[in-house]
């Protein structure tokens, strides 16, 4: 493997003092959030038809799913690798303003790619469920699959040595690092796409459950708006993490916190999916 180089992480063009990719990402998130939120508020939907879903529930589920240990750990890896590449620190060991801007610019490309990829995967799930049919049997089947995935997650927490584990495919870290080493726009976007795809095995239970509920409701424009809001909430923990990891010591503490608490986060997510699964199956 070639030695890492910071050439591809050159300074991005600044807009009002912020890297252009960060400005584009925030603008896109605000635009989609405003449009989707305004549509749902302007065209009220019957919560019962959506398995009892409400906008706060959708946002809470997405935000909780964003703390999934897979995506979180990979972003910590990304930040560590990027800070190593820029390797620009002040006398007290903290990154220079240039290093922070490079990390924010490259990280915005990465987070944006995760966001778009995950949303496209959600659209694909809805399309597959719609192709299978609109009857409740399809939604029940998807809900049962999500339930089994949640039980598998609990098995990983309480019986980690029994059978295979639900995690990102082996080699994800290596492929992501190679993509980042390419540098530039393409490398950061590719890393984000890889993470968006590879975290589905360990974060897909919640997502599948939400898409099953949206499918059972008939989907439509309201379903797409709710899916968009879910994905914005999903990306928020990664965006918050990106804004806080320019300090290596903070990054180390976050990494240690993630390692020590990831089993309980997985257990909480799995329990939520189980409750939602039974709620959907009872309501149909």
Protein backbone atom coordinates (compact mmCIF):
# COMPACT_ATOMS: atom_id res chain seq x y z
CA UNK A 1 0.00 0.00 0.00
CA UNK A 2 1.40 3.41 -0.94
CA UNK A 3 2.19 5.93 1.76
CA UNK A 4 -0.63 8.35 2.54
CA UNK A 5 -0.44 11.77 1.01
CA UNK A 6 -2.25 15.00 1.81
CA UNK A 7 -2.19 16.15 -1.82
CA UNK A 8 -5.79 15.14 -2.38
CA UNK A 9 -6.87 16.92 0.81
CA UNK A 10 -5.81 20.35 -0.39
CA UNK A 11 -7.61 23.42 0.90
CA UNK A 12 -11.15 23.68 -0.47
CA UNK A 13 -12.51 27.00 -1.72
CA UNK A 14 -13.98 28.97 1.18
CA UNK A 15 -17.44 30.50 1.31
CA UNK A 16 -17.91 32.93 4.21
CA UNK A 17 -14.91 31.27 5.85
CA UNK A 18 -16.29 27.72 5.50
CA UNK A 19 -15.10 25.02 3.04
CA UNK A 20 -17.34 24.82 -0.02
CA UNK A 21 -18.31 21.11 0.53
CA UNK A 22 -19.50 21.95 4.06
CA UNK A 23 -21.61 24.84 2.77
CA UNK A 24 -23.11 22.65 0.04
CA UNK A 25 -23.90 19.83 2.51
CA UNK A 26 -25.58 22.13 5.05
CA UNK A 27 -27.55 23.89 2.29
CA UNK A 28 -28.74 20.54 0.90
CA UNK A 29 -29.74 19.26 4.34
CA UNK A 30 -31.67 22.43 5.17
CA UNK A 31 -33.38 22.45 1.76
CA UNK A 32 -34.51 18.83 1.98
CA UNK A 33 -35.53 19.18 5.64
CA UNK A 34 -37.56 22.32 4.93
CA UNK A 35 -39.23 20.87 1.84
CA UNK A 36 -40.08 17.50 3.40
CA UNK A 37 -41.17 19.03 6.71
CA UNK A 38 -43.34 21.65 5.02
CA UNK A 39 -45.01 18.99 2.86
CA UNK A 40 -45.85 16.75 5.80
CA UNK A 41 -47.21 19.70 7.78
CA UNK A 42 -49.18 21.04 4.81
CA UNK A 43 -50.64 17.63 3.97
CA UNK A 44 -51.42 16.08 7.38
CA UNK A 45 -51.43 12.29 7.43
CA UNK A 46 -53.33 9.84 9.56
CA UNK A 47 -50.85 8.38 12.04
CA UNK A 48 -52.82 5.14 12.30
CA UNK A 49 -52.29 4.51 8.60
CA UNK A 50 -48.55 4.76 9.18
CA UNK A 51 -48.39 2.22 11.99
CA UNK A 52 -48.78 4.97 14.54
CA UNK A 53 -45.74 6.85 13.24
CA UNK A 54 -45.44 10.55 14.00
CA UNK A 55 -42.83 13.02 12.78
CA UNK A 56 -41.05 13.05 16.19
CA UNK A 57 -40.95 9.24 16.13
CA UNK A 58 -39.43 9.22 12.64
CA UNK A 59 -36.79 11.78 13.64
CA UNK A 60 -36.01 9.96 16.90
CA UNK A 61 -35.64 6.61 15.11
CA UNK A 62 -33.33 8.10 12.49
CA UNK A 63 -31.21 9.91 15.07
CA UNK A 64 -30.89 6.76 17.19
CA UNK A 65 -29.97 4.71 14.10
CA UNK A 66 -27.27 7.30 13.33
CA UNK A 67 -25.49 6.26 16.53
CA UNK A 68 -25.12 2.77 15.09
CA UNK A 69 -21.64 1.57 16.13
CA UNK A 70 -20.71 0.63 12.55
CA UNK A 71 -21.15 4.06 10.97
CA UNK A 72 -19.87 5.82 14.09
CA UNK A 73 -16.69 3.76 14.31
CA UNK A 74 -15.94 4.22 10.62
CA UNK A 75 -16.29 8.00 10.89
CA UNK A 76 -13.86 7.98 13.85
CA UNK A 77 -11.46 6.01 11.63
CA UNK A 78 -12.00 8.53 8.83
CA UNK A 79 -11.26 11.51 11.10
CA UNK A 80 -8.15 9.85 12.55
CA UNK A 81 -6.81 9.04 9.09
CA UNK A 82 -7.54 12.54 7.76
CA UNK A 83 -5.83 14.25 10.70
CA UNK A 84 -2.82 11.99 10.10
CA UNK A 85 -2.73 13.07 6.47
CA UNK A 86 -2.88 16.81 7.11
CA UNK A 87 -0.48 16.46 10.07
CA UNK A 88 -0.62 20.19 10.81
CA UNK A 89 -0.63 21.09 14.51
CA UNK A 90 0.07 24.11 16.67
CA UNK A 91 2.59 24.27 19.49
CA UNK A 92 0.16 22.71 21.97
CA UNK A 93 -0.55 19.77 19.67
CA UNK A 94 -3.98 20.83 18.42
CA UNK A 95 -4.70 21.02 14.67
CA UNK A 96 -4.15 24.32 12.90
CA UNK A 97 -7.09 26.21 11.41
CA UNK A 98 -6.01 24.95 7.99
CA UNK A 99 -6.10 21.34 9.21
CA UNK A 100 -9.57 21.87 10.67
CA UNK A 101 -10.82 23.31 7.39
CA UNK A 102 -9.36 20.40 5.44
CA UNK A 103 -10.98 17.91 7.79
CA UNK A 104 -14.33 19.72 7.62
CA UNK A 105 -14.20 19.95 3.82
CA UNK A 106 -13.20 16.33 3.24
CA UNK A 107 -15.52 15.11 6.00
CA UNK A 108 -18.48 16.94 4.47
CA UNK A 109 -17.92 15.07 1.21
CA UNK A 110 -17.77 11.81 3.15
CA UNK A 111 -20.88 12.48 5.28
CA UNK A 112 -22.81 13.73 2.26
CA UNK A 113 -21.99 10.55 0.35
CA UNK A 114 -23.17 8.41 3.29
CA UNK A 115 -26.42 10.43 3.42
CA UNK A 116 -27.20 10.16 -0.29
CA UNK A 117 -26.25 6.47 -0.45
CA UNK A 118 -28.40 5.56 2.55
CA UNK A 119 -31.37 7.47 1.13
CA UNK A 120 -31.02 5.68 -2.21
CA UNK A 121 -30.94 2.35 -0.37
CA UNK A 122 -34.20 3.34 1.36
CA UNK A 123 -35.78 4.16 -1.99
CA UNK A 124 -34.63 0.77 -3.23
CA UNK A 125 -36.22 -1.01 -0.27
CA UNK A 126 -39.51 0.81 -0.85
CA UNK A 127 -39.38 -0.05 -4.56
CA UNK A 128 -38.76 -3.75 -3.86
CA UNK A 129 -41.61 -3.89 -1.34
CA UNK A 130 -43.92 -2.10 -3.79
CA UNK A 131 -42.94 -4.53 -6.54
CA UNK A 132 -43.84 -7.43 -4.25
CA UNK A 133 -47.29 -5.96 -3.72
CA UNK A 134 -49.31 -3.55 -1.63
CA UNK A 135 -51.03 -6.09 0.59
CA UNK A 136 -50.24 -6.28 4.29
CA UNK A 137 -48.62 -9.70 3.90
CA UNK A 138 -45.59 -8.06 2.25
CA UNK A 139 -45.29 -5.50 5.04
CA UNK A 140 -45.64 -8.26 7.64
CA UNK A 141 -42.89 -10.25 5.93
CA UNK A 142 -40.55 -7.22 5.95
CA UNK A 143 -41.41 -6.59 9.59
CA UNK A 144 -40.67 -10.20 10.53
CA UNK A 145 -37.31 -9.96 8.72
CA UNK A 146 -36.51 -6.77 10.65
CA UNK A 147 -37.50 -8.58 13.86
CA UNK A 148 -35.12 -11.45 13.09
CA UNK A 149 -32.31 -8.97 12.38
CA UNK A 150 -33.00 -7.27 15.72
CA UNK A 151 -32.86 -10.61 17.55
CA UNK A 152 -29.58 -11.32 15.78
CA UNK A 153 -28.26 -7.98 17.06
CA UNK A 154 -29.21 -8.98 20.61
CA UNK A 155 -27.43 -12.30 20.10
CA UNK A 156 -24.28 -10.38 19.13
CA UNK A 157 -24.51 -8.38 22.36
CA UNK A 158 -25.23 -11.18 24.84
CA UNK A 159 -23.76 -14.19 23.00
CA UNK A 160 -20.96 -12.62 20.90
CA UNK A 161 -19.11 -15.88 20.34
CA UNK A 162 -22.10 -17.85 19.06
CA UNK A 163 -22.45 -17.99 15.29
CA UNK A 164 -21.71 -15.19 12.81
CA UNK A 165 -22.08 -11.55 13.84
CA UNK A 166 -24.13 -8.87 12.16
CA UNK A 167 -21.48 -6.34 11.23
CA UNK A 168 -20.00 -4.52 8.29
CA UNK A 169 -18.38 -6.95 5.83
CA UNK A 170 -14.77 -7.83 6.51
CA UNK A 171 -12.32 -5.57 4.73
CA UNK A 172 -14.58 -2.49 4.92
CA UNK A 173 -11.95 -0.55 6.87
CA UNK A 174 -9.25 -1.45 4.35
CA UNK A 175 -11.34 -0.52 1.31
CA UNK A 176 -12.35 2.74 2.93
CA UNK A 177 -8.73 3.61 3.74
CA UNK A 178 -7.66 2.88 0.16
CA UNK A 179 -10.43 5.15 -1.12
CA UNK A 180 -9.29 7.96 1.19
CA UNK A 181 -5.67 7.50 0.12
CA UNK A 182 -6.76 8.33 -3.42
CA UNK A 183 -7.63 11.74 -2.02
CA UNK A 184 -9.62 14.46 -3.67
CA UNK A 185 -13.32 14.57 -4.41
CA UNK A 186 -13.51 11.02 -5.80
CA UNK A 187 -11.74 9.39 -2.86
CA UNK A 188 -13.89 11.04 -0.18
CA UNK A 189 -17.12 10.36 -2.06
CA UNK A 190 -16.14 6.73 -2.65
CA UNK A 191 -15.34 6.26 1.04
CA UNK A 192 -18.77 7.62 1.97
CA UNK A 193 -20.56 5.41 -0.54
CA UNK A 194 -18.72 2.33 0.76
CA UNK A 195 -19.73 3.12 4.33
CA UNK A 196 -23.34 3.79 3.31
CA UNK A 197 -23.51 0.36 1.67
CA UNK A 198 -21.40 -1.64 4.13
CA UNK A 199 -23.20 -0.48 7.28
CA UNK A 200 -26.54 -1.84 6.05
CA UNK A 201 -25.95 -5.36 7.46
CA UNK A 202 -25.54 -4.01 11.00
CA UNK A 203 -27.85 -0.99 10.81
CA UNK A 204 -30.49 -2.31 8.44
CA UNK A 205 -32.99 -3.62 11.01
CA UNK A 206 -34.30 -0.18 11.96
CA UNK A 207 -34.25 1.02 8.36
CA UNK A 208 -36.11 -2.04 7.09
CA UNK A 209 -38.71 -1.62 9.84
CA UNK A 210 -39.31 2.03 8.93
CA UNK A 211 -39.62 1.24 5.22
CA UNK A 212 -42.02 -1.62 6.07
CA UNK A 213 -44.23 0.86 7.95
CA UNK A 214 -44.09 3.35 5.07
CA UNK A 215 -44.93 0.59 2.60
CA UNK A 216 -47.86 -0.62 4.71
CA UNK A 217 -49.23 2.93 4.69
CA UNK A 218 -49.20 3.09 0.92
CA UNK A 219 -46.07 5.19 0.76
CA UNK A 220 -46.72 7.97 -1.73
CA UNK A 221 -45.38 11.50 -1.42
CA UNK A 222 -45.89 11.51 2.34
CA UNK A 223 -43.91 8.30 2.67
CA UNK A 224 -41.03 9.78 0.65
CA UNK A 225 -41.09 12.94 2.79
CA UNK A 226 -40.93 10.88 5.99
CA UNK A 227 -38.10 8.79 4.53
CA UNK A 228 -36.20 12.00 3.72
CA UNK A 229 -36.69 13.27 7.29
CA UNK A 230 -35.53 9.92 8.69
CA UNK A 231 -32.31 10.11 6.67
CA UNK A 232 -31.60 13.68 7.73
CA UNK A 233 -31.96 12.64 11.37
CA UNK A 234 -29.77 9.59 10.65
CA UNK A 235 -26.91 11.75 9.42
CA UNK A 236 -27.04 14.23 12.33
CA UNK A 237 -24.84 12.22 14.77
CA UNK A 238 -22.18 11.88 12.05
CA UNK A 239 -22.36 15.60 11.31
CA UNK A 240 -22.09 16.47 15.02
CA UNK A 241 -19.15 14.09 15.36
CA UNK A 242 -17.45 15.72 12.37
CA UNK A 243 -17.70 19.13 14.05
CA UNK A 244 -16.09 17.84 17.26
CA UNK A 245 -13.24 15.58 16.10
CA UNK A 246 -10.69 18.16 15.00
CA UNK A 247 -8.99 17.65 18.36
CA UNK A 248 -7.10 14.36 18.64
CA UNK A 249 -7.72 14.05 22.37
CA UNK A 250 -11.46 14.53 21.92
CA UNK A 251 -11.36 12.04 19.06
CA UNK A 252 -9.65 9.49 21.29
CA UNK A 253 -12.26 9.91 24.01
CA UNK A 254 -15.07 9.52 21.49
CA UNK A 255 -13.48 6.37 20.10
CA UNK A 256 -13.13 4.86 23.57
CA UNK A 257 -16.72 5.81 24.44
CA UNK A 258 -17.96 4.18 21.24
CA UNK A 259 -16.08 0.94 21.92
CA UNK A 260 -17.29 0.66 25.52
CA UNK A 261 -20.93 1.57 24.83
CA UNK A 262 -21.56 0.05 21.39
CA UNK A 263 -23.07 -3.19 22.82
CA UNK A 264 -25.70 -1.24 24.76
CA UNK A 265 -26.44 1.02 21.81
CA UNK A 266 -27.00 -2.06 19.65
CA UNK A 267 -29.21 -3.58 22.34
CA UNK A 268 -31.30 -0.40 22.57
CA UNK A 269 -31.72 -0.20 18.79
CA UNK A 270 -32.64 -3.89 18.61
CA UNK A 271 -35.22 -3.52 21.38
CA UNK A 272 -36.77 -0.54 19.60
CA UNK A 273 -37.05 -2.53 16.36
CA UNK A 274 -38.67 -5.46 18.21
CA UNK A 275 -41.29 -3.16 19.76
CA UNK A 276 -41.99 -1.52 16.39
CA UNK A 277 -42.23 -4.91 14.67
CA UNK A 278 -44.84 -6.22 17.06
CA UNK A 279 -46.69 -2.90 16.94
CA UNK A 280 -46.88 -3.00 13.16
CA UNK A 281 -47.95 -6.63 13.02
CA UNK A 282 -50.68 -6.02 15.60
CA UNK A 283 -51.94 -2.87 13.88
CA UNK A 284 -52.31 -4.51 10.45
